[in-house]
Amino acid sequence: MRDYFKYKFGYVNVDAENIYFTSTGNWSETINMQEKGVQKQKVFRKTGIKIFLSASVIALVFLIFNNLNSEKISKPLVIGLPVGLYFAYKYLSTELGSQFKLPIFKITDIEIVNSIVYLTFLDSNGSAKTYQVEKPSEKGISIMTKIKDDIINKKQM
């Protein structure tokens, strides 16, 4: 079994042994991936993206209020900048998600509530963790339901 699906912050690739959280959904990205707890997250990169988006929103608000006071506000500015910021967020949102692999045998529970999948698992340090897969596609819900059923069946054996 090899499949993938999209969620809010990127892609989830699934094979018979692992679940991989990636930014592109490309299988070549999963080759050297480490387990949750072993890998070092790209904290600087994520922080930089958040700072860029926040600074862009602040600059947008400043430009709009500055132009409102001077009565020189233009329609392209009012419409174009928020639309541009929205598309920048959509483009960069995949970089905000975590990137790691999760061995399926370490998953202890999968709960699906209101289009959020809660994965409870043991990380590489043996600590119980929960990861939220927000807004998975319909295909993702069905894949996660199948994995959950497989886990339940293995526990009963």
N, C-alpha and C. Protein backbone atom coordinates (compact mmCIF):
# COMPACT_ATOMS: atom_id res chain seq x y z
N MET A 1 0.84 -1.18 0.00
CA MET A 1 0.00 0.00 0.00
C MET A 1 0.88 1.24 0.00
N ARG A 2 0.69 2.08 -0.95
CA ARG A 2 1.39 3.37 -1.03
C ARG A 2 0.39 4.40 -1.48
N ASP A 3 0.16 5.41 -0.65
CA ASP A 3 -0.83 6.42 -0.98
C ASP A 3 -0.43 7.73 -0.31
N TYR A 4 -1.13 8.79 -0.68
CA TYR A 4 -0.89 10.08 -0.05
C TYR A 4 -2.17 10.90 -0.10
N PHE A 5 -2.21 11.93 0.76
CA PHE A 5 -3.34 12.85 0.75
C PHE A 5 -2.89 14.20 1.28
N LYS A 6 -3.67 15.20 1.01
CA LYS A 6 -3.37 16.58 1.42
C LYS A 6 -4.07 16.88 2.74
N TYR A 7 -3.41 17.68 3.55
CA TYR A 7 -4.04 18.23 4.75
C TYR A 7 -3.64 19.69 4.85
N LYS A 8 -4.09 20.37 5.89
CA LYS A 8 -3.94 21.83 5.98
C LYS A 8 -2.50 22.31 5.81
N PHE A 9 -1.54 21.61 6.38
CA PHE A 9 -0.16 22.08 6.36
C PHE A 9 0.76 21.23 5.50
N GLY A 10 0.25 20.59 4.47
CA GLY A 10 1.12 19.82 3.58
C GLY A 10 0.47 18.53 3.13
N TYR A 11 1.28 17.48 3.13
CA TYR A 11 0.83 16.18 2.63
C TYR A 11 1.19 15.08 3.61
N VAL A 12 0.41 14.02 3.56
CA VAL A 12 0.69 12.82 4.35
C VAL A 12 0.87 11.68 3.37
N ASN A 13 2.05 11.07 3.39
CA ASN A 13 2.33 9.89 2.57
C ASN A 13 2.23 8.67 3.47
N VAL A 14 1.60 7.61 2.97
CA VAL A 14 1.39 6.40 3.77
C VAL A 14 1.87 5.20 2.98
N ASP A 15 2.69 4.36 3.64
CA ASP A 15 3.02 3.07 3.06
C ASP A 15 2.70 1.99 4.10
N ALA A 16 3.11 0.78 3.87
CA ALA A 16 2.75 -0.32 4.77
C ALA A 16 3.38 -0.19 6.15
N GLU A 17 4.48 0.55 6.27
CA GLU A 17 5.20 0.62 7.54
C GLU A 17 5.12 1.95 8.25
N ASN A 18 5.03 3.05 7.49
CA ASN A 18 5.13 4.39 8.08
C ASN A 18 4.08 5.35 7.54
N ILE A 19 3.87 6.40 8.31
CA ILE A 19 3.12 7.57 7.87
C ILE A 19 4.14 8.70 7.84
N TYR A 20 4.23 9.40 6.72
CA TYR A 20 5.20 10.48 6.55
C TYR A 20 4.46 11.81 6.42
N PHE A 21 4.89 12.80 7.16
CA PHE A 21 4.34 14.15 7.04
C PHE A 21 5.34 14.98 6.24
N THR A 22 4.93 15.42 5.05
CA THR A 22 5.83 16.12 4.15
C THR A 22 5.22 17.45 3.72
N SER A 23 6.03 18.28 3.10
CA SER A 23 5.53 19.56 2.60
C SER A 23 5.09 19.49 1.15
N THR A 24 5.56 18.48 0.40
CA THR A 24 5.25 18.43 -1.03
C THR A 24 4.46 17.19 -1.45
N GLY A 25 4.49 16.14 -0.67
CA GLY A 25 3.84 14.89 -1.06
C GLY A 25 4.72 14.02 -1.93
N ASN A 26 5.93 14.46 -2.22
CA ASN A 26 6.85 13.72 -3.07
C ASN A 26 7.49 12.59 -2.26
N TRP A 27 7.45 11.38 -2.79
CA TRP A 27 7.99 10.23 -2.09
C TRP A 27 9.49 10.33 -1.86
N SER A 28 10.21 11.03 -2.74
CA SER A 28 11.66 11.16 -2.55
C SER A 28 11.99 11.95 -1.28
N GLU A 29 11.05 12.75 -0.83
CA GLU A 29 11.24 13.54 0.39
C GLU A 29 11.23 12.64 1.64
N THR A 30 10.65 11.45 1.52
CA THR A 30 10.49 10.56 2.68
C THR A 30 11.70 9.66 2.93
N ILE A 31 12.62 9.59 1.99
CA ILE A 31 13.73 8.63 2.07
C ILE A 31 14.56 8.79 3.34
N ASN A 32 14.99 9.98 3.67
CA ASN A 32 15.87 10.19 4.82
C ASN A 32 15.15 10.80 6.01
N MET A 33 13.84 10.70 6.04
CA MET A 33 13.07 11.28 7.12
C MET A 33 13.29 10.53 8.42
N GLN A 34 13.29 11.27 9.52
CA GLN A 34 13.47 10.66 10.83
C GLN A 34 12.16 10.68 11.61
N GLU A 35 12.12 9.84 12.65
CA GLU A 35 10.93 9.76 13.49
C GLU A 35 10.74 11.04 14.28
N LYS A 36 9.50 11.25 14.71
CA LYS A 36 9.19 12.36 15.60
C LYS A 36 9.97 12.17 16.89
N GLY A 37 10.66 13.19 17.34
CA GLY A 37 11.49 13.10 18.54
C GLY A 37 12.97 13.02 18.21
N VAL A 38 13.30 12.44 17.05
CA VAL A 38 14.70 12.35 16.62
C VAL A 38 15.07 13.56 15.78
N GLN A 39 14.17 13.91 14.87
CA GLN A 39 14.46 14.96 13.92
C GLN A 39 14.45 16.33 14.58
N LYS A 40 15.16 17.25 13.99
CA LYS A 40 15.15 18.63 14.45
C LYS A 40 14.26 19.40 13.49
N GLN A 41 13.26 20.04 14.05
CA GLN A 41 12.35 20.81 13.22
C GLN A 41 13.06 22.06 12.69
N LYS A 42 12.56 22.53 11.60
CA LYS A 42 13.12 23.73 11.00
C LYS A 42 12.48 24.95 11.68
N VAL A 43 12.83 25.15 12.97
CA VAL A 43 12.21 26.18 13.78
C VAL A 43 12.49 27.56 13.21
N PHE A 44 13.73 27.80 12.80
CA PHE A 44 14.09 29.12 12.27
C PHE A 44 13.28 29.43 11.02
N ARG A 45 13.13 28.44 10.15
CA ARG A 45 12.40 28.64 8.91
C ARG A 45 10.92 28.92 9.19
N LYS A 46 10.33 28.14 10.09
CA LYS A 46 8.92 28.34 10.44
C LYS A 46 8.72 29.71 11.08
N THR A 47 9.62 30.08 11.98
CA THR A 47 9.52 31.38 12.64
C THR A 47 9.66 32.50 11.62
N GLY A 48 10.58 32.34 10.68
CA GLY A 48 10.77 33.35 9.63
C GLY A 48 9.52 33.53 8.78
N ILE A 49 8.86 32.43 8.45
CA ILE A 49 7.63 32.51 7.65
C ILE A 49 6.54 33.22 8.43
N LYS A 50 6.41 32.88 9.71
CA LYS A 50 5.39 33.53 10.55
C LYS A 50 5.67 35.02 10.71
N ILE A 51 6.94 35.38 10.89
CA ILE A 51 7.31 36.79 11.02
C ILE A 51 7.02 37.52 9.71
N PHE A 52 7.37 36.91 8.57
CA PHE A 52 7.11 37.52 7.27
C PHE A 52 5.61 37.78 7.07
N LEU A 53 4.79 36.78 7.37
CA LEU A 53 3.34 36.95 7.20
C LEU A 53 2.78 38.00 8.15
N SER A 54 3.25 38.01 9.39
CA SER A 54 2.79 39.01 10.37
C SER A 54 3.21 40.41 9.96
N ALA A 55 4.47 40.56 9.52
CA ALA A 55 4.95 41.87 9.08
C ALA A 55 4.20 42.35 7.85
N SER A 56 3.84 41.42 6.97
CA SER A 56 3.08 41.79 5.78
C SER A 56 1.69 42.30 6.14
N VAL A 57 1.05 41.66 7.10
CA VAL A 57 -0.28 42.11 7.55
C VAL A 57 -0.18 43.48 8.20
N ILE A 58 0.84 43.67 9.04
CA ILE A 58 1.02 44.98 9.69
C ILE A 58 1.29 46.06 8.65
N ALA A 59 2.13 45.76 7.66
CA ALA A 59 2.41 46.72 6.59
C ALA A 59 1.15 47.04 5.80
N LEU A 60 0.33 46.04 5.53
CA LEU A 60 -0.92 46.24 4.81
C LEU A 60 -1.84 47.17 5.58
N VAL A 61 -2.01 46.91 6.87
CA VAL A 61 -2.88 47.76 7.70
C VAL A 61 -2.32 49.18 7.74
N PHE A 62 -1.02 49.32 7.89
CA PHE A 62 -0.40 50.65 7.91
C PHE A 62 -0.64 51.38 6.59
N LEU A 63 -0.43 50.71 5.47
CA LEU A 63 -0.64 51.36 4.17
C LEU A 63 -2.08 51.79 3.96
N ILE A 64 -3.01 50.95 4.35
CA ILE A 64 -4.42 51.30 4.18
C ILE A 64 -4.79 52.49 5.05
N PHE A 65 -4.42 52.47 6.34
CA PHE A 65 -4.76 53.59 7.21
C PHE A 65 -4.02 54.86 6.82
N ASN A 66 -2.79 54.73 6.38
CA ASN A 66 -2.03 55.90 5.93
C ASN A 66 -2.69 56.54 4.72
N ASN A 67 -3.13 55.73 3.78
CA ASN A 67 -3.78 56.26 2.59
C ASN A 67 -5.20 56.74 2.87
N LEU A 68 -5.87 56.17 3.87
CA LEU A 68 -7.21 56.67 4.24
C LEU A 68 -7.11 58.09 4.79
N ASN A 69 -6.08 58.34 5.60
CA ASN A 69 -5.89 59.67 6.18
C ASN A 69 -5.56 60.70 5.12
N SER A 70 -4.81 60.32 4.12
CA SER A 70 -4.42 61.27 3.08
C SER A 70 -5.42 61.29 1.92
N GLU A 71 -6.47 60.50 2.02
CA GLU A 71 -7.53 60.43 1.01
C GLU A 71 -7.00 60.06 -0.38
N LYS A 72 -5.92 59.29 -0.44
CA LYS A 72 -5.36 58.84 -1.72
C LYS A 72 -5.43 57.32 -1.84
N ILE A 73 -6.42 56.73 -1.24
CA ILE A 73 -6.49 55.27 -1.25
C ILE A 73 -6.90 54.78 -2.63
N SER A 74 -6.25 53.77 -3.09
CA SER A 74 -6.55 53.23 -4.42
C SER A 74 -7.20 51.86 -4.29
N LYS A 75 -8.09 51.56 -5.21
CA LYS A 75 -8.78 50.27 -5.18
C LYS A 75 -7.83 49.10 -5.37
N PRO A 76 -6.83 49.17 -6.25
CA PRO A 76 -5.90 48.04 -6.36
C PRO A 76 -5.16 47.76 -5.05
N LEU A 77 -4.86 48.81 -4.28
CA LEU A 77 -4.18 48.61 -3.01
C LEU A 77 -5.10 47.89 -2.02
N VAL A 78 -6.34 48.34 -1.93
CA VAL A 78 -7.28 47.76 -0.98
C VAL A 78 -7.62 46.32 -1.35
N ILE A 79 -7.74 46.02 -2.63
CA ILE A 79 -8.11 44.68 -3.07
C ILE A 79 -6.88 43.80 -3.29
N GLY A 80 -5.87 44.34 -3.93
CA GLY A 80 -4.71 43.54 -4.34
C GLY A 80 -3.86 43.04 -3.20
N LEU A 81 -3.59 43.87 -2.22
CA LEU A 81 -2.71 43.45 -1.13
C LEU A 81 -3.31 42.33 -0.27
N PRO A 82 -4.57 42.44 0.16
CA PRO A 82 -5.12 41.31 0.93
C PRO A 82 -5.18 40.01 0.12
N VAL A 83 -5.51 40.13 -1.16
CA VAL A 83 -5.55 38.93 -2.01
C VAL A 83 -4.14 38.36 -2.16
N GLY A 84 -3.16 39.21 -2.35
CA GLY A 84 -1.77 38.76 -2.44
C GLY A 84 -1.30 38.10 -1.16
N LEU A 85 -1.66 38.66 -0.02
CA LEU A 85 -1.29 38.06 1.27
C LEU A 85 -1.97 36.70 1.46
N TYR A 86 -3.20 36.59 1.03
CA TYR A 86 -3.91 35.32 1.15
C TYR A 86 -3.19 34.23 0.34
N PHE A 87 -2.84 34.56 -0.91
CA PHE A 87 -2.15 33.57 -1.74
C PHE A 87 -0.74 33.27 -1.22
N ALA A 88 -0.08 34.27 -0.64
CA ALA A 88 1.23 34.02 -0.03
C ALA A 88 1.09 33.05 1.14
N TYR A 89 0.06 33.25 1.94
CA TYR A 89 -0.18 32.33 3.06
C TYR A 89 -0.46 30.92 2.55
N LYS A 90 -1.33 30.79 1.56
CA LYS A 90 -1.65 29.47 1.02
C LYS A 90 -0.40 28.78 0.46
N TYR A 91 0.45 29.55 -0.19
CA TYR A 91 1.68 29.00 -0.78
C TYR A 91 2.65 28.55 0.32
N LEU A 92 2.77 29.37 1.36
CA LEU A 92 3.75 29.09 2.41
C LEU A 92 3.22 28.18 3.52
N SER A 93 1.92 27.90 3.55
CA SER A 93 1.35 27.13 4.65
C SER A 93 1.90 25.71 4.74
N THR A 94 2.30 25.13 3.62
CA THR A 94 2.86 23.77 3.67
C THR A 94 4.20 23.74 4.42
N GLU A 95 4.87 24.87 4.48
CA GLU A 95 6.15 24.93 5.20
C GLU A 95 5.94 25.06 6.71
N LEU A 96 4.71 25.32 7.14
CA LEU A 96 4.43 25.48 8.57
C LEU A 96 4.17 24.14 9.26
N GLY A 97 3.88 23.12 8.50
CA GLY A 97 3.61 21.80 9.07
C GLY A 97 4.89 21.08 9.46
N SER A 98 4.75 20.11 10.37
CA SER A 98 5.90 19.32 10.79
C SER A 98 6.27 18.33 9.69
N GLN A 99 7.54 17.95 9.66
CA GLN A 99 8.02 16.97 8.69
C GLN A 99 8.73 15.86 9.45
N PHE A 100 8.08 14.69 9.49
CA PHE A 100 8.65 13.55 10.21
C PHE A 100 7.95 12.29 9.73
N LYS A 101 8.51 11.16 10.15
CA LYS A 101 7.84 9.89 9.85
C LYS A 101 7.36 9.28 11.15
N LEU A 102 6.31 8.50 11.01
CA LEU A 102 5.69 7.87 12.17
C LEU A 102 5.46 6.40 11.84
N PRO A 103 6.21 5.50 12.48
CA PRO A 103 5.97 4.07 12.24
C PRO A 103 4.56 3.69 12.68
N ILE A 104 3.86 2.98 11.84
CA ILE A 104 2.47 2.63 12.13
C ILE A 104 2.36 1.78 13.40
N PHE A 105 3.35 0.91 13.65
CA PHE A 105 3.26 0.06 14.84
C PHE A 105 3.36 0.87 16.13
N LYS A 106 3.82 2.12 16.09
CA LYS A 106 3.91 2.96 17.28
C LYS A 106 2.65 3.77 17.54
N ILE A 107 1.68 3.68 16.62
CA ILE A 107 0.43 4.41 16.82
C ILE A 107 -0.42 3.64 17.81
N THR A 108 -0.86 4.33 18.86
CA THR A 108 -1.68 3.68 19.88
C THR A 108 -3.17 3.98 19.69
N ASP A 109 -3.50 5.11 19.05
CA ASP A 109 -4.90 5.45 18.84
C ASP A 109 -5.03 6.46 17.70
N ILE A 110 -6.12 6.35 16.98
CA ILE A 110 -6.49 7.33 15.95
C ILE A 110 -7.93 7.72 16.23
N GLU A 111 -8.14 9.02 16.39
CA GLU A 111 -9.48 9.52 16.65
C GLU A 111 -9.80 10.58 15.59
N ILE A 112 -10.97 10.48 14.99
CA ILE A 112 -11.38 11.42 13.95
C ILE A 112 -12.57 12.21 14.47
N VAL A 113 -12.38 13.53 14.63
CA VAL A 113 -13.42 14.40 15.16
C VAL A 113 -13.48 15.67 14.31
N ASN A 114 -14.64 15.89 13.68
CA ASN A 114 -14.87 17.14 12.93
C ASN A 114 -13.72 17.50 11.99
N SER A 115 -13.39 16.65 11.11
CA SER A 115 -12.34 16.81 10.11
C SER A 115 -10.96 17.11 10.70
N ILE A 116 -10.72 16.60 11.89
CA ILE A 116 -9.39 16.62 12.50
C ILE A 116 -9.08 15.19 12.91
N VAL A 117 -7.91 14.70 12.51
CA VAL A 117 -7.48 13.36 12.89
C VAL A 117 -6.45 13.52 14.00
N TYR A 118 -6.72 12.91 15.14
CA TYR A 118 -5.80 12.92 16.27
C TYR A 118 -5.04 11.61 16.29
N LEU A 119 -3.73 11.68 16.08
CA LEU A 119 -2.88 10.50 16.10
C LEU A 119 -2.15 10.46 17.44
N THR A 120 -2.38 9.43 18.22
CA THR A 120 -1.66 9.24 19.48
C THR A 120 -0.65 8.14 19.24
N PHE A 121 0.60 8.42 19.59
CA PHE A 121 1.69 7.50 19.27
C PHE A 121 2.81 7.64 20.28
N LEU A 122 3.74 6.71 20.22
CA LEU A 122 4.96 6.77 21.02
C LEU A 122 6.08 7.31 20.13
N ASP A 123 6.70 8.41 20.55
CA ASP A 123 7.79 8.95 19.74
C ASP A 123 9.06 8.15 19.96
N SER A 124 10.14 8.57 19.34
CA SER A 124 11.39 7.81 19.41
C SER A 124 11.96 7.74 20.82
N ASN A 125 11.52 8.64 21.70
CA ASN A 125 11.97 8.62 23.09
C ASN A 125 11.06 7.80 23.98
N GLY A 126 10.00 7.21 23.40
CA GLY A 126 9.06 6.41 24.17
C GLY A 126 7.97 7.22 24.85
N SER A 127 7.93 8.51 24.57
CA SER A 127 6.91 9.38 25.18
C SER A 127 5.64 9.36 24.34
N ALA A 128 4.50 9.36 25.01
CA ALA A 128 3.22 9.42 24.30
C ALA A 128 2.99 10.84 23.80
N LYS A 129 2.69 10.96 22.54
CA LYS A 129 2.45 12.26 21.90
C LYS A 129 1.17 12.18 21.09
N THR A 130 0.58 13.33 20.84
CA THR A 130 -0.59 13.41 19.97
C THR A 130 -0.29 14.45 18.90
N TYR A 131 -0.58 14.11 17.67
CA TYR A 131 -0.39 15.02 16.54
C TYR A 131 -1.74 15.21 15.85
N GLN A 132 -2.06 16.46 15.53
CA GLN A 132 -3.32 16.76 14.86
C GLN A 132 -3.09 16.90 13.37
N VAL A 133 -3.86 16.17 12.60
CA VAL A 133 -3.86 16.31 11.15
C VAL A 133 -5.12 17.10 10.83
N GLU A 134 -4.95 18.40 10.61
CA GLU A 134 -6.09 19.28 10.41
C GLU A 134 -6.54 19.30 8.96
N LYS A 135 -7.82 19.26 8.78
CA LYS A 135 -8.48 19.35 7.47
C LYS A 135 -7.91 18.39 6.43
N PRO A 136 -7.87 17.10 6.75
CA PRO A 136 -7.43 16.15 5.72
C PRO A 136 -8.49 16.04 4.63
N SER A 137 -8.07 15.65 3.44
CA SER A 137 -9.01 15.45 2.35
C SER A 137 -9.90 14.24 2.68
N GLU A 138 -10.96 14.07 1.90
CA GLU A 138 -11.85 12.92 2.09
C GLU A 138 -11.07 11.61 1.94
N LYS A 139 -10.15 11.60 0.99
CA LYS A 139 -9.29 10.44 0.79
C LYS A 139 -8.48 10.18 2.06
N GLY A 140 -8.02 11.24 2.69
CA GLY A 140 -7.24 11.11 3.92
C GLY A 140 -8.04 10.54 5.07
N ILE A 141 -9.30 10.97 5.18
CA ILE A 141 -10.17 10.42 6.22
C ILE A 141 -10.35 8.92 6.03
N SER A 142 -10.57 8.51 4.78
CA SER A 142 -10.76 7.07 4.53
C SER A 142 -9.47 6.28 4.78
N ILE A 143 -8.32 6.82 4.42
CA ILE A 143 -7.04 6.14 4.67
C ILE A 143 -6.81 6.01 6.17
N MET A 144 -7.05 7.07 6.92
CA MET A 144 -6.84 7.03 8.37
C MET A 144 -7.83 6.08 9.05
N THR A 145 -9.05 6.02 8.54
CA THR A 145 -10.04 5.08 9.08
C THR A 145 -9.58 3.65 8.86
N LYS A 146 -9.01 3.37 7.68
CA LYS A 146 -8.50 2.03 7.38
C LYS A 146 -7.34 1.66 8.31
N ILE A 147 -6.43 2.62 8.53
CA ILE A 147 -5.30 2.37 9.44
C ILE A 147 -5.83 2.13 10.86
N LYS A 148 -6.81 2.91 11.28
CA LYS A 148 -7.40 2.72 12.61
C LYS A 148 -8.00 1.32 12.74
N ASP A 149 -8.74 0.89 11.72
CA ASP A 149 -9.33 -0.46 11.75
C ASP A 149 -8.25 -1.53 11.81
N ASP A 150 -7.16 -1.34 11.07
CA ASP A 150 -6.06 -2.31 11.10
C ASP A 150 -5.43 -2.38 12.49
N ILE A 151 -5.27 -1.22 13.13
CA ILE A 151 -4.68 -1.18 14.48
C ILE A 151 -5.60 -1.90 15.47
N ILE A 152 -6.89 -1.65 15.37
CA ILE A 152 -7.85 -2.31 16.27
C ILE A 152 -7.83 -3.82 16.06
N ASN A 153 -7.77 -4.25 14.81
CA ASN A 153 -7.73 -5.69 14.51
C ASN A 153 -6.47 -6.34 15.05
N LYS A 154 -5.33 -5.67 14.98
CA LYS A 154 -4.08 -6.23 15.50
C LYS A 154 -4.11 -6.32 17.02
N LYS A 155 -4.76 -5.35 17.69
CA LYS A 155 -4.84 -5.39 19.15
C LYS A 155 -5.71 -6.54 19.63
N GLN A 156 -6.72 -6.88 18.84
CA GLN A 156 -7.63 -7.95 19.23
C GLN A 156 -7.01 -9.33 19.05
N MET A 157 -5.96 -9.44 18.25
CA MET A 157 -5.33 -10.74 17.99
C MET A 157 -4.43 -11.16 19.11
